[in-house]
């Protein structure tokens, strides 16, 4: 947007200073004056670098805001690989930085040879291969389509202060639904989906979970999944199936998320829990 605005501004300035334009080929299609004859390539490249810095910083702020939001809205929030997104941003920034350094050197030395500029493009190719390999290895890419990338606006602080406290009845209703209907078995369960089942709004449900249970949505749902895994272990499911298979049946999407959630809720790894609490047949 900044780049486009500067171009439009320049055109308006030319129009204001030099209208009407004479139709002559030697005046670049009719434009005349100092701005028409000036080589603006270096200026535009500088503006392009500044534009990238602005959007890179804005993207970084959005990532930091969105990371906790996914764990509040989606039961698979911990599986979204924000580290990969950070690496993507860093790699793109490094490419722009390298080309910026080469352009600056070329500006100071009145241009660089092809052999010298080749190293910048070699680095660009290396980064492209790196990002391609990283992207190919991302798990569950389909889940990204389930994410809402514009978090709902929070209610003003004054309105929140006037809300009544969460009642035990509201908490009990949610507990009963979770235990009876077992919506946590759906690995793609979201706050909005559960709110629709309970005929309430996502904001109200989120408040019940946050204030009533002191958890975010992700931890709240994973708690039930862990309990389901423990129940299956007590019934000897680990003697017939792998731990990963038991975790997937309970609604988990990956081994990493399962191990993290299990240890968070039991302070033990699944293997340690089996050794200490599950009797051998």
C-alpha atoms as a PDB file:
ATOM      1  CA  UNK A   1       0.000   0.000   0.000  1.00  0.00           C
ATOM      2  CA  UNK A   2       2.816   2.430   0.829  1.00  0.00           C
ATOM      3  CA  UNK A   3       4.532   1.670  -2.478  1.00  0.00           C
ATOM      4  CA  UNK A   4       1.299   2.166  -4.429  1.00  0.00           C
ATOM      5  CA  UNK A   5       0.569   5.392  -2.579  1.00  0.00           C
ATOM      6  CA  UNK A   6       3.982   6.824  -3.498  1.00  0.00           C
ATOM      7  CA  UNK A   7       3.495   5.982  -7.158  1.00  0.00           C
ATOM      8  CA  UNK A   8       0.050   7.601  -7.227  1.00  0.00           C
ATOM      9  CA  UNK A   9       1.429  10.622  -5.373  1.00  0.00           C
ATOM     10  CA  UNK A  10       4.215  11.025  -7.910  1.00  0.00           C
ATOM     11  CA  UNK A  11       1.754  10.864 -10.811  1.00  0.00           C
ATOM     12  CA  UNK A  12      -0.473  13.487  -9.190  1.00  0.00           C
ATOM     13  CA  UNK A  13       2.526  15.748  -8.597  1.00  0.00           C
ATOM     14  CA  UNK A  14       3.619  15.420 -12.228  1.00  0.00           C
ATOM     15  CA  UNK A  15       0.091  16.167 -13.390  1.00  0.00           C
ATOM     16  CA  UNK A  16      -0.154  19.257 -11.200  1.00  0.00           C
ATOM     17  CA  UNK A  17       3.256  20.664 -12.199  1.00  0.00           C
ATOM     18  CA  UNK A  18       3.349  19.888 -15.900  1.00  0.00           C
ATOM     19  CA  UNK A  19      -0.229  19.736 -17.227  1.00  0.00           C
ATOM     20  CA  UNK A  20      -0.937  19.864 -20.158  1.00  0.00           C
ATOM     21  CA  UNK A  21       1.606  17.276 -21.345  1.00  0.00           C
ATOM     22  CA  UNK A  22       3.019  17.674 -24.836  1.00  0.00           C
ATOM     23  CA  UNK A  23       2.724  14.445 -26.851  1.00  0.00           C
ATOM     24  CA  UNK A  24       6.378  13.843 -27.690  1.00  0.00           C
ATOM     25  CA  UNK A  25       8.344  10.593 -27.763  1.00  0.00           C
ATOM     26  CA  UNK A  26      11.498  12.223 -26.426  1.00  0.00           C
ATOM     27  CA  UNK A  27       9.658  13.276 -23.259  1.00  0.00           C
ATOM     28  CA  UNK A  28       8.676   9.728 -22.128  1.00  0.00           C
ATOM     29  CA  UNK A  29       5.118   9.711 -23.418  1.00  0.00           C
ATOM     30  CA  UNK A  30       4.435  13.347 -22.661  1.00  0.00           C
ATOM     31  CA  UNK A  31       5.849  13.695 -19.116  1.00  0.00           C
ATOM     32  CA  UNK A  32       8.445  16.442 -18.745  1.00  0.00           C
ATOM     33  CA  UNK A  33      10.520  18.187 -16.126  1.00  0.00           C
ATOM     34  CA  UNK A  34      13.033  17.098 -13.469  1.00  0.00           C
ATOM     35  CA  UNK A  35      11.010  14.120 -12.173  1.00  0.00           C
ATOM     36  CA  UNK A  36      10.567  12.728 -15.682  1.00  0.00           C
ATOM     37  CA  UNK A  37      14.299  12.741 -16.419  1.00  0.00           C
ATOM     38  CA  UNK A  38      15.342  11.454 -13.000  1.00  0.00           C
ATOM     39  CA  UNK A  39      16.350   7.770 -12.687  1.00  0.00           C
ATOM     40  CA  UNK A  40      13.944   6.588 -10.011  1.00  0.00           C
ATOM     41  CA  UNK A  41      14.999   2.914  -9.877  1.00  0.00           C
ATOM     42  CA  UNK A  42      17.185   3.311  -6.777  1.00  0.00           C
ATOM     43  CA  UNK A  43      14.470   5.308  -5.034  1.00  0.00           C
ATOM     44  CA  UNK A  44      11.833   2.687  -5.810  1.00  0.00           C
ATOM     45  CA  UNK A  45      14.115  -0.128  -4.619  1.00  0.00           C
ATOM     46  CA  UNK A  46      14.678   1.711  -1.349  1.00  0.00           C
ATOM     47  CA  UNK A  47      10.942   2.186  -0.905  1.00  0.00           C
ATOM     48  CA  UNK A  48      10.429  -1.515  -1.641  1.00  0.00           C
ATOM     49  CA  UNK A  49      12.853  -2.466   1.154  1.00  0.00           C
ATOM     50  CA  UNK A  50      11.105  -0.115   3.589  1.00  0.00           C
ATOM     51  CA  UNK A  51       7.737  -1.574   2.600  1.00  0.00           C
ATOM     52  CA  UNK A  52       9.015  -5.091   3.265  1.00  0.00           C
ATOM     53  CA  UNK A  53      10.321  -4.068   6.703  1.00  0.00           C
ATOM     54  CA  UNK A  54       6.936  -2.607   7.580  1.00  0.00           C
ATOM     55  CA  UNK A  55       4.969  -5.688   6.551  1.00  0.00           C
ATOM     56  CA  UNK A  56       7.491  -8.082   8.119  1.00  0.00           C
ATOM     57  CA  UNK A  57       7.123  -6.275  11.444  1.00  0.00           C
ATOM     58  CA  UNK A  58       3.336  -6.249  11.108  1.00  0.00           C
ATOM     59  CA  UNK A  59       3.318  -9.976  10.322  1.00  0.00           C
ATOM     60  CA  UNK A  60       5.478 -10.691  13.372  1.00  0.00           C
ATOM     61  CA  UNK A  61       3.051  -8.796  15.628  1.00  0.00           C
ATOM     62  CA  UNK A  62       0.091 -10.691  14.172  1.00  0.00           C
ATOM     63  CA  UNK A  63       1.802 -14.049  14.739  1.00  0.00           C
ATOM     64  CA  UNK A  64       2.452 -13.187  18.378  1.00  0.00           C
ATOM     65  CA  UNK A  65      -1.188 -12.206  18.846  1.00  0.00           C
ATOM     66  CA  UNK A  66      -2.611 -15.195  16.990  1.00  0.00           C
ATOM     67  CA  UNK A  67      -0.595 -17.925  18.706  1.00  0.00           C
ATOM     68  CA  UNK A  68      -2.484 -17.752  22.042  1.00  0.00           C
ATOM     69  CA  UNK A  69      -5.748 -17.243  20.160  1.00  0.00           C
ATOM     70  CA  UNK A  70      -5.533 -20.650  18.448  1.00  0.00           C
ATOM     71  CA  UNK A  71      -5.200 -22.366  21.830  1.00  0.00           C
ATOM     72  CA  UNK A  72      -8.296 -20.553  23.024  1.00  0.00           C
ATOM     73  CA  UNK A  73     -10.423 -21.329  19.961  1.00  0.00           C
ATOM     74  CA  UNK A  74      -9.276 -24.738  18.644  1.00  0.00           C
ATOM     75  CA  UNK A  75      -8.705 -28.089  20.285  1.00  0.00           C
ATOM     76  CA  UNK A  76      -5.695 -28.665  18.017  1.00  0.00           C
ATOM     77  CA  UNK A  77      -4.145 -25.259  18.689  1.00  0.00           C
ATOM     78  CA  UNK A  78      -0.859 -26.675  19.946  1.00  0.00           C
ATOM     79  CA  UNK A  79      -0.411 -28.558  16.688  1.00  0.00           C
ATOM     80  CA  UNK A  80      -0.251 -25.411  14.574  1.00  0.00           C
ATOM     81  CA  UNK A  81       3.464 -25.073  13.896  1.00  0.00           C
ATOM     82  CA  UNK A  82       4.122 -21.419  14.592  1.00  0.00           C
ATOM     83  CA  UNK A  83       7.852 -22.190  14.668  1.00  0.00           C
ATOM     84  CA  UNK A  84       7.569 -23.007  10.967  1.00  0.00           C
ATOM     85  CA  UNK A  85       5.840 -19.676  10.297  1.00  0.00           C
ATOM     86  CA  UNK A  86       8.547 -17.842  12.212  1.00  0.00           C
ATOM     87  CA  UNK A  87      11.217 -19.656  10.184  1.00  0.00           C
ATOM     88  CA  UNK A  88       9.413 -18.668   6.982  1.00  0.00           C
ATOM     89  CA  UNK A  89       9.426 -15.019   8.025  1.00  0.00           C
ATOM     90  CA  UNK A  90      13.092 -15.159   9.062  1.00  0.00           C
ATOM     91  CA  UNK A  91      14.122 -16.811   5.786  1.00  0.00           C
ATOM     92  CA  UNK A  92      12.302 -14.203   3.706  1.00  0.00           C
ATOM     93  CA  UNK A  93      13.883 -11.428   5.771  1.00  0.00           C
ATOM     94  CA  UNK A  94      17.353 -12.905   5.274  1.00  0.00           C
ATOM     95  CA  UNK A  95      16.856 -12.988   1.508  1.00  0.00           C
ATOM     96  CA  UNK A  96      15.793  -9.347   1.463  1.00  0.00           C
ATOM     97  CA  UNK A  97      18.693  -8.429   3.762  1.00  0.00           C
ATOM     98  CA  UNK A  98      21.265 -10.149   1.520  1.00  0.00           C
ATOM     99  CA  UNK A  99      19.916  -8.471  -1.616  1.00  0.00           C
ATOM    100  CA  UNK A 100      19.796  -5.159   0.239  1.00  0.00           C
ATOM    101  CA  UNK A 101      23.468  -5.478   1.173  1.00  0.00           C
ATOM    102  CA  UNK A 102      24.425  -6.316  -2.412  1.00  0.00           C
ATOM    103  CA  UNK A 103      22.343  -3.425  -3.755  1.00  0.00           C
ATOM    104  CA  UNK A 104      23.959  -1.039  -1.276  1.00  0.00           C
ATOM    105  CA  UNK A 105      27.445  -2.213  -2.243  1.00  0.00           C
ATOM    106  CA  UNK A 106      26.518  -1.860  -5.907  1.00  0.00           C
ATOM    107  CA  UNK A 107      25.248   1.667  -5.283  1.00  0.00           C
ATOM    108  CA  UNK A 108      28.490   2.675  -3.548  1.00  0.00           C
ATOM    109  CA  UNK A 109      30.698   1.000  -6.146  1.00  0.00           C
ATOM    110  CA  UNK A 110      28.682   2.102  -9.214  1.00  0.00           C
ATOM    111  CA  UNK A 111      27.369  -1.390  -9.900  1.00  0.00           C
ATOM    112  CA  UNK A 112      28.405  -4.991  -9.286  1.00  0.00           C
ATOM    113  CA  UNK A 113      29.557  -7.552 -11.802  1.00  0.00           C
ATOM    114  CA  UNK A 114      27.467 -10.591 -12.679  1.00  0.00           C
ATOM    115  CA  UNK A 115      29.945 -12.874 -10.879  1.00  0.00           C
ATOM    116  CA  UNK A 116      29.575 -10.875  -7.682  1.00  0.00           C
ATOM    117  CA  UNK A 117      25.758 -10.685  -7.851  1.00  0.00           C
ATOM    118  CA  UNK A 118      25.631 -14.457  -8.448  1.00  0.00           C
ATOM    119  CA  UNK A 119      26.207 -15.140  -4.754  1.00  0.00           C
ATOM    120  CA  UNK A 120      23.017 -13.335  -3.786  1.00  0.00           C
ATOM    121  CA  UNK A 121      20.986 -15.452  -6.208  1.00  0.00           C
ATOM    122  CA  UNK A 122      22.735 -18.616  -5.010  1.00  0.00           C
ATOM    123  CA  UNK A 123      21.594 -17.761  -1.486  1.00  0.00           C
ATOM    124  CA  UNK A 124      18.066 -17.155  -2.785  1.00  0.00           C
ATOM    125  CA  UNK A 125      18.033 -20.606  -4.406  1.00  0.00           C
ATOM    126  CA  UNK A 126      19.287 -22.207  -1.198  1.00  0.00           C
ATOM    127  CA  UNK A 127      16.486 -20.559   0.813  1.00  0.00           C
ATOM    128  CA  UNK A 128      13.858 -21.654  -1.728  1.00  0.00           C
ATOM    129  CA  UNK A 129      14.978 -25.284  -1.413  1.00  0.00           C
ATOM    130  CA  UNK A 130      15.004 -24.998   2.376  1.00  0.00           C
ATOM    131  CA  UNK A 131      11.467 -23.580   2.518  1.00  0.00           C
ATOM    132  CA  UNK A 132      10.205 -26.195   0.050  1.00  0.00           C
ATOM    133  CA  UNK A 133      11.531 -29.054   2.158  1.00  0.00           C
ATOM    134  CA  UNK A 134      10.186 -27.493   5.361  1.00  0.00           C
ATOM    135  CA  UNK A 135       6.742 -26.917   3.843  1.00  0.00           C
ATOM    136  CA  UNK A 136       6.557 -30.477   2.498  1.00  0.00           C
ATOM    137  CA  UNK A 137       7.178 -31.855   5.992  1.00  0.00           C
ATOM    138  CA  UNK A 138       4.428 -29.879   7.710  1.00  0.00           C
ATOM    139  CA  UNK A 139       1.911 -32.221   9.431  1.00  0.00           C
ATOM    140  CA  UNK A 140      -1.847 -31.944   8.966  1.00  0.00           C
ATOM    141  CA  UNK A 141      -1.856 -29.135   6.357  1.00  0.00           C
ATOM    142  CA  UNK A 142      -5.642 -29.460   6.045  1.00  0.00           C
ATOM    143  CA  UNK A 143      -6.108 -28.119   9.561  1.00  0.00           C
ATOM    144  CA  UNK A 144      -4.879 -24.711   8.455  1.00  0.00           C
ATOM    145  CA  UNK A 145      -8.089 -24.397   6.438  1.00  0.00           C
ATOM    146  CA  UNK A 146     -10.113 -24.755   9.655  1.00  0.00           C
ATOM    147  CA  UNK A 147      -8.464 -21.784  11.347  1.00  0.00           C
ATOM    148  CA  UNK A 148     -10.181 -18.413  11.473  1.00  0.00           C
ATOM    149  CA  UNK A 149      -7.494 -15.836  10.858  1.00  0.00           C
ATOM    150  CA  UNK A 150      -9.364 -12.853  12.303  1.00  0.00           C
ATOM    151  CA  UNK A 151      -9.897 -13.274  16.053  1.00  0.00           C
ATOM    152  CA  UNK A 152     -13.233 -12.022  17.326  1.00  0.00           C
ATOM    153  CA  UNK A 153     -13.086  -8.646  19.020  1.00  0.00           C
ATOM    154  CA  UNK A 154     -13.152  -8.746  22.760  1.00  0.00           C
ATOM    155  CA  UNK A 155     -15.935  -7.027  24.631  1.00  0.00           C
ATOM    156  CA  UNK A 156     -15.014  -3.681  26.207  1.00  0.00           C
ATOM    157  CA  UNK A 157     -13.714  -3.868  29.763  1.00  0.00           C
ATOM    158  CA  UNK A 158     -16.741  -2.031  31.177  1.00  0.00           C
ATOM    159  CA  UNK A 159     -19.120  -4.606  29.724  1.00  0.00           C
ATOM    160  CA  UNK A 160     -17.075  -7.483  31.165  1.00  0.00           C
ATOM    161  CA  UNK A 161     -17.235  -5.924  34.636  1.00  0.00           C
ATOM    162  CA  UNK A 162     -21.053  -5.993  34.553  1.00  0.00           C
ATOM    163  CA  UNK A 163     -21.287  -9.694  33.641  1.00  0.00           C
ATOM    164  CA  UNK A 164     -22.477 -12.063  36.389  1.00  0.00           C
ATOM    165  CA  UNK A 165     -20.171 -14.703  37.794  1.00  0.00           C
ATOM    166  CA  UNK A 166     -20.140 -18.125  36.187  1.00  0.00           C
ATOM    167  CA  UNK A 167     -22.678 -20.307  37.968  1.00  0.00           C
ATOM    168  CA  UNK A 168     -22.137 -23.919  38.992  1.00  0.00           C
ATOM    169  CA  UNK A 169     -25.101 -24.832  36.796  1.00  0.00           C
ATOM    170  CA  UNK A 170     -23.355 -23.511  33.676  1.00  0.00           C
ATOM    171  CA  UNK A 171     -20.252 -25.480  34.525  1.00  0.00           C
ATOM    172  CA  UNK A 172     -22.259 -28.618  35.249  1.00  0.00           C
ATOM    173  CA  UNK A 173     -24.109 -28.363  31.921  1.00  0.00           C
ATOM    174  CA  UNK A 174     -20.809 -28.226  30.071  1.00  0.00           C
ATOM    175  CA  UNK A 175     -19.371 -31.138  32.084  1.00  0.00           C
ATOM    176  CA  UNK A 176     -22.403 -33.303  31.395  1.00  0.00           C
ATOM    177  CA  UNK A 177     -22.282 -32.590  27.662  1.00  0.00           C
ATOM    178  CA  UNK A 178     -18.569 -33.384  27.465  1.00  0.00           C
ATOM    179  CA  UNK A 179     -19.019 -36.652  29.353  1.00  0.00           C
ATOM    180  CA  UNK A 180     -22.204 -37.790  27.610  1.00  0.00           C
ATOM    181  CA  UNK A 181     -21.582 -36.712  23.993  1.00  0.00           C
ATOM    182  CA  UNK A 182     -17.765 -36.924  23.984  1.00  0.00           C
ATOM    183  CA  UNK A 183     -17.251 -34.135  21.411  1.00  0.00           C
ATOM    184  CA  UNK A 184     -13.525 -34.204  22.225  1.00  0.00           C
ATOM    185  CA  UNK A 185     -13.217 -37.361  20.111  1.00  0.00           C
ATOM    186  CA  UNK A 186     -13.428 -35.072  17.069  1.00  0.00           C
ATOM    187  CA  UNK A 187      -9.775 -34.087  16.433  1.00  0.00           C
ATOM    188  CA  UNK A 188     -10.880 -30.879  14.676  1.00  0.00           C
ATOM    189  CA  UNK A 189     -13.216 -29.678  17.425  1.00  0.00           C
ATOM    190  CA  UNK A 190     -13.333 -25.880  17.730  1.00  0.00           C
ATOM    191  CA  UNK A 191     -14.893 -23.482  20.195  1.00  0.00           C
ATOM    192  CA  UNK A 192     -17.506 -22.467  17.641  1.00  0.00           C
ATOM    193  CA  UNK A 193     -18.515 -26.079  16.968  1.00  0.00           C
ATOM    194  CA  UNK A 194     -18.942 -26.847  20.662  1.00  0.00           C
ATOM    195  CA  UNK A 195     -20.886 -23.602  21.205  1.00  0.00           C
ATOM    196  CA  UNK A 196     -23.342 -24.580  18.470  1.00  0.00           C
ATOM    197  CA  UNK A 197     -23.898 -27.968  20.104  1.00  0.00           C
ATOM    198  CA  UNK A 198     -24.682 -26.243  23.395  1.00  0.00           C
ATOM    199  CA  UNK A 199     -26.872 -23.578  21.718  1.00  0.00           C
ATOM    200  CA  UNK A 200     -24.745 -20.753  23.088  1.00  0.00           C
ATOM    201  CA  UNK A 201     -22.304 -18.198  21.711  1.00  0.00           C
ATOM    202  CA  UNK A 202     -18.547 -18.826  21.436  1.00  0.00           C
ATOM    203  CA  UNK A 203     -17.927 -15.804  23.673  1.00  0.00           C
ATOM    204  CA  UNK A 204     -20.161 -17.180  26.444  1.00  0.00           C
ATOM    205  CA  UNK A 205     -18.653 -20.653  26.208  1.00  0.00           C
ATOM    206  CA  UNK A 206     -15.139 -19.240  26.220  1.00  0.00           C
ATOM    207  CA  UNK A 207     -15.950 -17.268  29.372  1.00  0.00           C
ATOM    208  CA  UNK A 208     -17.287 -20.395  31.119  1.00  0.00           C
ATOM    209  CA  UNK A 209     -14.119 -22.317  30.284  1.00  0.00           C
ATOM    210  CA  UNK A 210     -11.727 -19.467  31.112  1.00  0.00           C
ATOM    211  CA  UNK A 211     -13.348 -18.192  34.313  1.00  0.00           C
ATOM    212  CA  UNK A 212     -15.238 -21.278  35.446  1.00  0.00           C
ATOM    213  CA  UNK A 213     -12.510 -23.849  34.875  1.00  0.00           C
ATOM    214  CA  UNK A 214      -9.433 -21.614  34.722  1.00  0.00           C
ATOM    215  CA  UNK A 215      -8.276 -23.120  31.402  1.00  0.00           C
ATOM    216  CA  UNK A 216      -8.101 -22.206  27.753  1.00  0.00           C
ATOM    217  CA  UNK A 217     -10.211 -24.182  25.292  1.00  0.00           C
ATOM    218  CA  UNK A 218      -7.322 -26.312  24.070  1.00  0.00           C
ATOM    219  CA  UNK A 219      -6.283 -27.475  27.552  1.00  0.00           C
ATOM    220  CA  UNK A 220      -9.916 -27.983  28.564  1.00  0.00           C
ATOM    221  CA  UNK A 221     -10.588 -30.363  25.667  1.00  0.00           C
ATOM    222  CA  UNK A 222      -7.244 -32.148  25.929  1.00  0.00           C
ATOM    223  CA  UNK A 223      -7.984 -32.862  29.578  1.00  0.00           C
ATOM    224  CA  UNK A 224     -10.917 -35.044  28.517  1.00  0.00           C
ATOM    225  CA  UNK A 225      -8.818 -36.717  25.855  1.00  0.00           C
ATOM    226  CA  UNK A 226      -6.163 -37.572  28.431  1.00  0.00           C
ATOM    227  CA  UNK A 227      -8.840 -38.992  30.732  1.00  0.00           C
ATOM    228  CA  UNK A 228     -10.106 -41.142  27.845  1.00  0.00           C
ATOM    229  CA  UNK A 229      -6.581 -42.447  27.222  1.00  0.00           C
ATOM    230  CA  UNK A 230      -6.146 -43.259  30.926  1.00  0.00           C
ATOM    231  CA  UNK A 231      -9.461 -45.076  30.947  1.00  0.00           C
ATOM    232  CA  UNK A 232      -8.392 -47.141  27.937  1.00  0.00           C
ATOM    233  CA  UNK A 233      -5.021 -47.899  29.555  1.00  0.00           C
ATOM    234  CA  UNK A 234      -6.729 -49.138  32.700  1.00  0.00           C
ATOM    235  CA  UNK A 235      -8.760 -51.496  30.522  1.00  0.00           C
ATOM    236  CA  UNK A 236      -5.579 -52.884  28.958  1.00  0.00           C
ATOM    237  CA  UNK A 237      -5.820 -51.189  25.573  1.00  0.00           C
ATOM    238  CA  UNK A 238      -2.027 -50.760  25.487  1.00  0.00           C
ATOM    239  CA  UNK A 239      -1.666 -54.543  25.406  1.00  0.00           C
ATOM    240  CA  UNK A 240      -3.562 -54.671  22.103  1.00  0.00           C
ATOM    241  CA  UNK A 241      -2.782 -51.305  20.506  1.00  0.00           C
ATOM    242  CA  UNK A 242       0.055 -48.818  20.313  1.00  0.00           C
ATOM    243  CA  UNK A 243       0.010 -45.705  22.468  1.00  0.00           C
ATOM    244  CA  UNK A 244      -0.317 -43.590  19.331  1.00  0.00           C
ATOM    245  CA  UNK A 245      -3.346 -45.581  18.226  1.00  0.00           C
ATOM    246  CA  UNK A 246      -4.975 -45.091  21.631  1.00  0.00           C
ATOM    247  CA  UNK A 247      -4.213 -41.358  21.497  1.00  0.00           C
ATOM    248  CA  UNK A 248      -5.706 -40.987  18.012  1.00  0.00           C
ATOM    249  CA  UNK A 249      -8.858 -42.794  19.122  1.00  0.00           C
ATOM    250  CA  UNK A 250      -9.155 -40.297  21.984  1.00  0.00           C
ATOM    251  CA  UNK A 251      -9.117 -37.311  19.623  1.00  0.00           C
ATOM    252  CA  UNK A 252      -5.443 -36.378  19.500  1.00  0.00           C
ATOM    253  CA  UNK A 253      -3.927 -35.589  16.126  1.00  0.00           C
ATOM    254  CA  UNK A 254      -0.253 -36.278  16.716  1.00  0.00           C
ATOM    255  CA  UNK A 255       2.102 -38.095  19.048  1.00  0.00           C
ATOM    256  CA  UNK A 256       3.857 -34.860  20.029  1.00  0.00           C
ATOM    257  CA  UNK A 257       0.638 -33.155  21.116  1.00  0.00           C
ATOM    258  CA  UNK A 258      -0.486 -36.269  22.964  1.00  0.00           C
ATOM    259  CA  UNK A 259       2.762 -36.551  24.930  1.00  0.00           C
ATOM    260  CA  UNK A 260       2.725 -32.830  25.787  1.00  0.00           C
ATOM    261  CA  UNK A 261      -0.907 -32.868  26.939  1.00  0.00           C
ATOM    262  CA  UNK A 262      -0.541 -36.126  28.877  1.00  0.00           C
ATOM    263  CA  UNK A 263       2.470 -34.871  30.820  1.00  0.00           C
ATOM    264  CA  UNK A 264       0.795 -31.512  31.467  1.00  0.00           C
ATOM    265  CA  UNK A 265      -2.262 -33.142  33.041  1.00  0.00           C
ATOM    266  CA  UNK A 266      -0.562 -36.045  34.849  1.00  0.00           C
ATOM    267  CA  UNK A 267       3.029 -34.791  35.374  1.00  0.00           C
ATOM    268  CA  UNK A 268       4.143 -38.105  33.838  1.00  0.00           C
ATOM    269  CA  UNK A 269       4.895 -39.322  30.355  1.00  0.00           C
ATOM    270  CA  UNK A 270       2.535 -42.049  29.045  1.00  0.00           C
ATOM    271  CA  UNK A 271       5.221 -44.723  29.539  1.00  0.00           C
ATOM    272  CA  UNK A 272       5.929 -43.554  33.094  1.00  0.00           C
ATOM    273  CA  UNK A 273       2.209 -43.542  33.890  1.00  0.00           C
ATOM    274  CA  UNK A 274       1.836 -47.120  32.682  1.00  0.00           C
ATOM    275  CA  UNK A 275       4.779 -48.286  34.792  1.00  0.00           C
ATOM    276  CA  UNK A 276       3.552 -46.575  37.964  1.00  0.00           C
ATOM    277  CA  UNK A 277      -0.242 -46.879  37.740  1.00  0.00           C
ATOM    278  CA  UNK A 278      -1.237 -49.695  35.393  1.00  0.00           C
ATOM    279  CA  UNK A 279      -1.082 -53.201  36.734  1.00  0.00           C
ATOM    280  CA  UNK A 280       0.348 -55.836  34.447  1.00  0.00           C
ATOM    281  CA  UNK A 281      -2.070 -58.511  33.271  1.00  0.00           C
END
